[in-house]
Amino acid sequence: MRSDIELTARDHLSAVLNPPVAPEAIDPDADLAGVYGLTSLNKVLFLTEVCEAADVDLGHFTEDDLADMRTLRVVAESLTLHSGKAV
């Protein structure tokens, strides 16, 4: 079963991919840059939007944490760890 954060991440990732990929068709373990061509700018946009939608402060993550978010699964797991936590 997919978490609300994963579903939110799928929706936001789908919105920035070019060419478009349906949210349900995104492989959670695929490399976002290698498989889906996610650029660093679109990654920033995606992570900013999904953090806002999931009510997770982007300030919880270091540059290294963000660089390690290479798959949808890692993004969803990382945000889930911080959901509901204050800075």
N, C-alpha and C. Protein backbone atom coordinates (compact mmCIF):
# COMPACT_ATOMS: atom_id res chain seq x y z
N MET A 1 0.84 -1.19 0.00
CA MET A 1 0.00 0.00 0.00
C MET A 1 0.89 1.25 0.00
N ARG A 2 0.55 2.18 -0.83
CA ARG A 2 1.34 3.41 -0.93
C ARG A 2 0.90 4.41 0.12
N SER A 3 1.88 5.11 0.66
CA SER A 3 1.58 6.13 1.66
C SER A 3 1.06 7.39 0.98
N ASP A 4 0.43 8.24 1.78
CA ASP A 4 -0.04 9.53 1.25
C ASP A 4 1.14 10.35 0.72
N ILE A 5 2.27 10.28 1.42
CA ILE A 5 3.44 11.03 0.98
C ILE A 5 3.94 10.49 -0.35
N GLU A 6 3.95 9.18 -0.53
CA GLU A 6 4.39 8.63 -1.81
C GLU A 6 3.44 9.05 -2.93
N LEU A 7 2.14 9.01 -2.67
CA LEU A 7 1.17 9.43 -3.70
C LEU A 7 1.36 10.90 -4.06
N THR A 8 1.58 11.72 -3.05
CA THR A 8 1.83 13.15 -3.27
C THR A 8 3.11 13.33 -4.07
N ALA A 9 4.16 12.60 -3.72
CA ALA A 9 5.43 12.69 -4.43
C ALA A 9 5.26 12.26 -5.89
N ARG A 10 4.50 11.20 -6.12
CA ARG A 10 4.25 10.74 -7.49
C ARG A 10 3.58 11.84 -8.31
N ASP A 11 2.56 12.46 -7.74
CA ASP A 11 1.83 13.51 -8.44
C ASP A 11 2.74 14.69 -8.79
N HIS A 12 3.55 15.11 -7.83
CA HIS A 12 4.43 16.27 -8.05
C HIS A 12 5.57 15.93 -9.00
N LEU A 13 6.08 14.70 -8.92
CA LEU A 13 7.13 14.30 -9.84
C LEU A 13 6.58 14.24 -11.26
N SER A 14 5.43 13.66 -11.41
CA SER A 14 4.80 13.56 -12.72
C SER A 14 4.65 14.94 -13.37
N ALA A 15 4.35 15.93 -12.56
CA ALA A 15 4.12 17.28 -13.07
C ALA A 15 5.38 17.95 -13.62
N VAL A 16 6.57 17.51 -13.20
CA VAL A 16 7.80 18.16 -13.66
C VAL A 16 8.55 17.35 -14.71
N LEU A 17 8.09 16.13 -14.97
CA LEU A 17 8.81 15.29 -15.94
C LEU A 17 8.49 15.69 -17.37
N ASN A 18 9.53 15.65 -18.21
CA ASN A 18 9.36 15.92 -19.62
C ASN A 18 10.23 14.93 -20.39
N PRO A 19 9.65 13.98 -21.12
CA PRO A 19 8.23 13.85 -21.42
C PRO A 19 7.45 13.39 -20.19
N PRO A 20 6.15 13.70 -20.18
CA PRO A 20 5.31 13.36 -19.03
C PRO A 20 5.22 11.85 -18.81
N VAL A 21 5.11 11.49 -17.54
CA VAL A 21 4.89 10.10 -17.13
C VAL A 21 3.73 10.14 -16.13
N ALA A 22 2.77 9.26 -16.32
CA ALA A 22 1.63 9.20 -15.40
C ALA A 22 2.13 8.83 -14.00
N PRO A 23 1.55 9.42 -12.96
CA PRO A 23 2.01 9.15 -11.59
C PRO A 23 2.07 7.67 -11.26
N GLU A 24 1.07 6.92 -11.67
CA GLU A 24 1.02 5.49 -11.34
C GLU A 24 2.03 4.67 -12.13
N ALA A 25 2.59 5.23 -13.20
CA ALA A 25 3.56 4.52 -14.02
C ALA A 25 5.00 4.73 -13.57
N ILE A 26 5.21 5.60 -12.61
CA ILE A 26 6.58 5.89 -12.15
C ILE A 26 7.09 4.73 -11.30
N ASP A 27 8.25 4.22 -11.67
CA ASP A 27 8.90 3.15 -10.93
C ASP A 27 9.54 3.76 -9.69
N PRO A 28 9.14 3.34 -8.49
CA PRO A 28 9.67 3.95 -7.27
C PRO A 28 11.16 3.74 -7.04
N ASP A 29 11.74 2.77 -7.73
CA ASP A 29 13.16 2.47 -7.54
C ASP A 29 14.04 2.93 -8.70
N ALA A 30 13.44 3.59 -9.68
CA ALA A 30 14.20 4.06 -10.83
C ALA A 30 14.95 5.34 -10.48
N ASP A 31 16.15 5.47 -11.03
CA ASP A 31 16.94 6.69 -10.85
C ASP A 31 16.21 7.84 -11.55
N LEU A 32 15.88 8.87 -10.79
CA LEU A 32 15.08 9.97 -11.32
C LEU A 32 15.78 10.71 -12.45
N ALA A 33 17.08 10.89 -12.36
CA ALA A 33 17.81 11.58 -13.42
C ALA A 33 18.09 10.63 -14.58
N GLY A 34 18.56 9.44 -14.28
CA GLY A 34 18.95 8.50 -15.33
C GLY A 34 17.80 7.95 -16.14
N VAL A 35 16.72 7.60 -15.48
CA VAL A 35 15.59 6.98 -16.16
C VAL A 35 14.59 8.02 -16.67
N TYR A 36 14.30 9.02 -15.83
CA TYR A 36 13.26 9.99 -16.17
C TYR A 36 13.79 11.33 -16.65
N GLY A 37 15.11 11.48 -16.65
CA GLY A 37 15.70 12.73 -17.15
C GLY A 37 15.45 13.94 -16.27
N LEU A 38 15.23 13.71 -14.98
CA LEU A 38 14.98 14.82 -14.06
C LEU A 38 16.23 15.68 -13.95
N THR A 39 16.12 16.94 -14.30
CA THR A 39 17.26 17.86 -14.22
C THR A 39 17.41 18.33 -12.78
N SER A 40 18.55 18.90 -12.46
CA SER A 40 18.76 19.39 -11.10
C SER A 40 17.78 20.52 -10.76
N LEU A 41 17.48 21.38 -11.72
CA LEU A 41 16.49 22.43 -11.48
C LEU A 41 15.11 21.83 -11.21
N ASN A 42 14.71 20.86 -12.02
CA ASN A 42 13.40 20.24 -11.79
C ASN A 42 13.38 19.43 -10.50
N LYS A 43 14.53 18.90 -10.10
CA LYS A 43 14.58 18.18 -8.83
C LYS A 43 14.32 19.15 -7.68
N VAL A 44 14.93 20.33 -7.74
CA VAL A 44 14.70 21.34 -6.72
C VAL A 44 13.22 21.74 -6.68
N LEU A 45 12.65 21.98 -7.85
CA LEU A 45 11.23 22.34 -7.92
C LEU A 45 10.36 21.21 -7.35
N PHE A 46 10.64 20.00 -7.76
CA PHE A 46 9.90 18.83 -7.28
C PHE A 46 9.99 18.69 -5.77
N LEU A 47 11.21 18.73 -5.24
CA LEU A 47 11.38 18.54 -3.79
C LEU A 47 10.75 19.69 -2.99
N THR A 48 10.86 20.90 -3.49
CA THR A 48 10.24 22.04 -2.81
C THR A 48 8.72 21.87 -2.76
N GLU A 49 8.14 21.51 -3.90
CA GLU A 49 6.68 21.34 -3.97
C GLU A 49 6.20 20.17 -3.13
N VAL A 50 6.89 19.05 -3.19
CA VAL A 50 6.43 17.88 -2.44
C VAL A 50 6.62 18.09 -0.94
N CYS A 51 7.66 18.78 -0.54
CA CYS A 51 7.84 19.09 0.89
C CYS A 51 6.71 20.00 1.37
N GLU A 52 6.38 20.99 0.57
CA GLU A 52 5.29 21.89 0.95
C GLU A 52 3.97 21.14 1.04
N ALA A 53 3.69 20.30 0.07
CA ALA A 53 2.44 19.54 0.04
C ALA A 53 2.35 18.54 1.20
N ALA A 54 3.49 17.99 1.57
CA ALA A 54 3.53 17.00 2.65
C ALA A 54 3.73 17.64 4.02
N ASP A 55 3.84 18.96 4.04
CA ASP A 55 4.06 19.71 5.28
C ASP A 55 5.34 19.26 5.99
N VAL A 56 6.40 19.12 5.20
CA VAL A 56 7.72 18.75 5.72
C VAL A 56 8.65 19.90 5.38
N ASP A 57 9.32 20.43 6.41
CA ASP A 57 10.24 21.55 6.20
C ASP A 57 11.48 21.07 5.46
N LEU A 58 11.77 21.68 4.34
CA LEU A 58 12.94 21.34 3.54
C LEU A 58 14.23 21.53 4.34
N GLY A 59 14.18 22.37 5.37
CA GLY A 59 15.33 22.62 6.23
C GLY A 59 15.80 21.39 7.01
N HIS A 60 15.00 20.32 7.04
CA HIS A 60 15.42 19.08 7.70
C HIS A 60 16.55 18.39 6.95
N PHE A 61 16.74 18.76 5.69
CA PHE A 61 17.66 18.02 4.83
C PHE A 61 18.90 18.83 4.48
N THR A 62 20.04 18.16 4.53
CA THR A 62 21.30 18.77 4.11
C THR A 62 21.43 18.63 2.60
N GLU A 63 22.43 19.29 2.04
CA GLU A 63 22.69 19.15 0.60
C GLU A 63 22.98 17.69 0.25
N ASP A 64 23.70 17.00 1.13
CA ASP A 64 24.00 15.58 0.89
C ASP A 64 22.72 14.74 0.92
N ASP A 65 21.81 15.04 1.86
CA ASP A 65 20.52 14.33 1.92
C ASP A 65 19.78 14.49 0.60
N LEU A 66 19.72 15.73 0.11
CA LEU A 66 19.00 16.01 -1.13
C LEU A 66 19.66 15.32 -2.31
N ALA A 67 20.98 15.30 -2.35
CA ALA A 67 21.69 14.63 -3.43
C ALA A 67 21.43 13.13 -3.42
N ASP A 68 21.25 12.56 -2.22
CA ASP A 68 20.99 11.13 -2.09
C ASP A 68 19.56 10.74 -2.47
N MET A 69 18.69 11.70 -2.63
CA MET A 69 17.30 11.42 -3.01
C MET A 69 17.25 11.18 -4.52
N ARG A 70 17.65 9.97 -4.90
CA ARG A 70 17.77 9.64 -6.32
C ARG A 70 16.58 8.85 -6.85
N THR A 71 15.74 8.33 -5.97
CA THR A 71 14.57 7.57 -6.41
C THR A 71 13.33 8.09 -5.68
N LEU A 72 12.19 7.80 -6.25
CA LEU A 72 10.93 8.20 -5.62
C LEU A 72 10.79 7.54 -4.24
N ARG A 73 11.21 6.29 -4.13
CA ARG A 73 11.10 5.59 -2.85
C ARG A 73 11.92 6.30 -1.76
N VAL A 74 13.14 6.70 -2.09
CA VAL A 74 14.00 7.38 -1.11
C VAL A 74 13.39 8.74 -0.73
N VAL A 75 12.85 9.45 -1.72
CA VAL A 75 12.20 10.74 -1.43
C VAL A 75 11.05 10.52 -0.46
N ALA A 76 10.17 9.56 -0.76
CA ALA A 76 9.00 9.31 0.10
C ALA A 76 9.43 8.87 1.49
N GLU A 77 10.41 7.99 1.59
CA GLU A 77 10.88 7.52 2.89
C GLU A 77 11.51 8.66 3.69
N SER A 78 12.29 9.50 3.04
CA SER A 78 12.94 10.62 3.72
C SER A 78 11.92 11.61 4.25
N LEU A 79 10.91 11.93 3.45
CA LEU A 79 9.87 12.87 3.89
C LEU A 79 9.03 12.26 5.00
N THR A 80 8.76 10.96 4.91
CA THR A 80 7.96 10.29 5.94
C THR A 80 8.65 10.37 7.30
N LEU A 81 9.98 10.26 7.31
CA LEU A 81 10.73 10.34 8.57
C LEU A 81 10.53 11.68 9.26
N HIS A 82 10.29 12.73 8.48
CA HIS A 82 10.18 14.07 9.03
C HIS A 82 8.75 14.63 9.05
N SER A 83 7.81 13.86 8.59
CA SER A 83 6.44 14.37 8.56
C SER A 83 5.93 14.56 9.98
N GLY A 84 5.34 15.73 10.18
CA GLY A 84 4.80 16.05 11.50
C GLY A 84 5.81 16.55 12.51
N LYS A 85 7.07 16.69 12.10
CA LYS A 85 8.11 17.18 13.03
C LYS A 85 8.38 18.65 12.79
N ALA A 86 8.55 19.38 13.83
CA ALA A 86 8.90 20.80 13.72
C ALA A 86 10.41 20.93 13.56
N VAL A 87 10.84 22.07 13.03
CA VAL A 87 12.29 22.33 12.87
C VAL A 87 12.92 22.52 14.23
